Amino acid sequence: MTKIKACMLIALAACLVHSAPRGTGRAEVVDRIVAEVNNEIITLSELENMARSIQTQSGVKPSRAEAQKMQREMLEALIDRKLAKAEAKRRGIKVSPKEVDEAVAHFKQRGNIPDDETLAKVLSNGGLSLKEFRQQVADQLLQENLMALVLRPKLTVNDAEVRRLYEEKFRKGGTQVHLLTLRLPFPPGAASEQKNEVKQKTETILSAVKRGESFKEAAGKFSLQPSDVGFVSQNDLDPRLAQYLSQLKPKEIAPVETPEGYQLIQVLNRRSGEPPPFEEAAPQIRNMLMQQEMGKYFSEWVKTLREKAHIRIML
């Protein structure tokens, strides 16, 4: 849970499709303001929605102490988001509808979602409308554009680092596997009963797929959505995992247990991978390294916004 803040800021979309249903089987929360950020407010409902999203991903309810810690971390992340959004507005940074359309289309492609109607159903399972999702995507793009404007000119990527990553990751070629993955992590400090809960959920999904249900249908019963990671080189996988997956037929699922929880991995397809030439791969590698650097420095940069802001926390 220590990486909640970074996940919220950098990987929002992955979180959105795992949001828990709103208003079902629980008492309504009386909304109230929990923080003021200059002229903006953050409400308790925003924190509640994010907390339900994290709980749905883990599959178990955190302890009271852990829930309180999570709530404060999420509040800090929401404060940073408000500050970043205001700074983007001040600098005249905007996001066009076309940019949002392209991002949503990429999201559907990665998730094998054929159309907006299917996407709306997926989002509805998480208590989110398509309009709300598009707004969240727009906010995330706005923040990324801000990061690119403020941080990119200050950062450099060493040519030697680009070459090193190419030699390690891109030049190997070999067999590539198309994977769908679903993480079912243990909550921090999970007791044996909580771990058994996650194990039983993993086994239920696995059994449903063996009976003929699709991976997405089986996971959807728990408001979960597998992630499509695309084709990856087997050389980039842990040798033991690569060997394990090599024994699977297309569409078969492998359960993997780790100290952090369980993961279900489905092999969709295999293909022979020819390594791209360095000149073709270099821009992609450079951009990937730049994104990593910007993510690292964003939390430091946003502190300068905090120093100039009026922030009042009432949680």
Foldseek 3Di string as FASTA:
>chain_A
DVCVLLCVQQPVVQLQLLAAAPPPPDDDDDKDFFKDWFPDTDIPVVLVRSQRSVCLQQVHDDDPVVSVVSSVSVVVSVSLLVLLLVVLVVVVHFDDPVNLVVVVVVVCVFQVNDDVVSVQVSSVNNNDGPVRVSVSSRSSVSSVVSLCVPPVVVDDDDPVVLVVCCVQFFQPFFKKWWKWKGDNFQDPPHDPVSQVSSVVLVVQLLVVVVVPDASQVSSVVSSTGITGPGIGHLSPDDVVVSVVCVPDDARHWDWDQDPGHIMIMGTHDMDGTHGDDSVVCSVVSRVVVSVVVSSVCVVVVSVVSVVVIDMDGRD
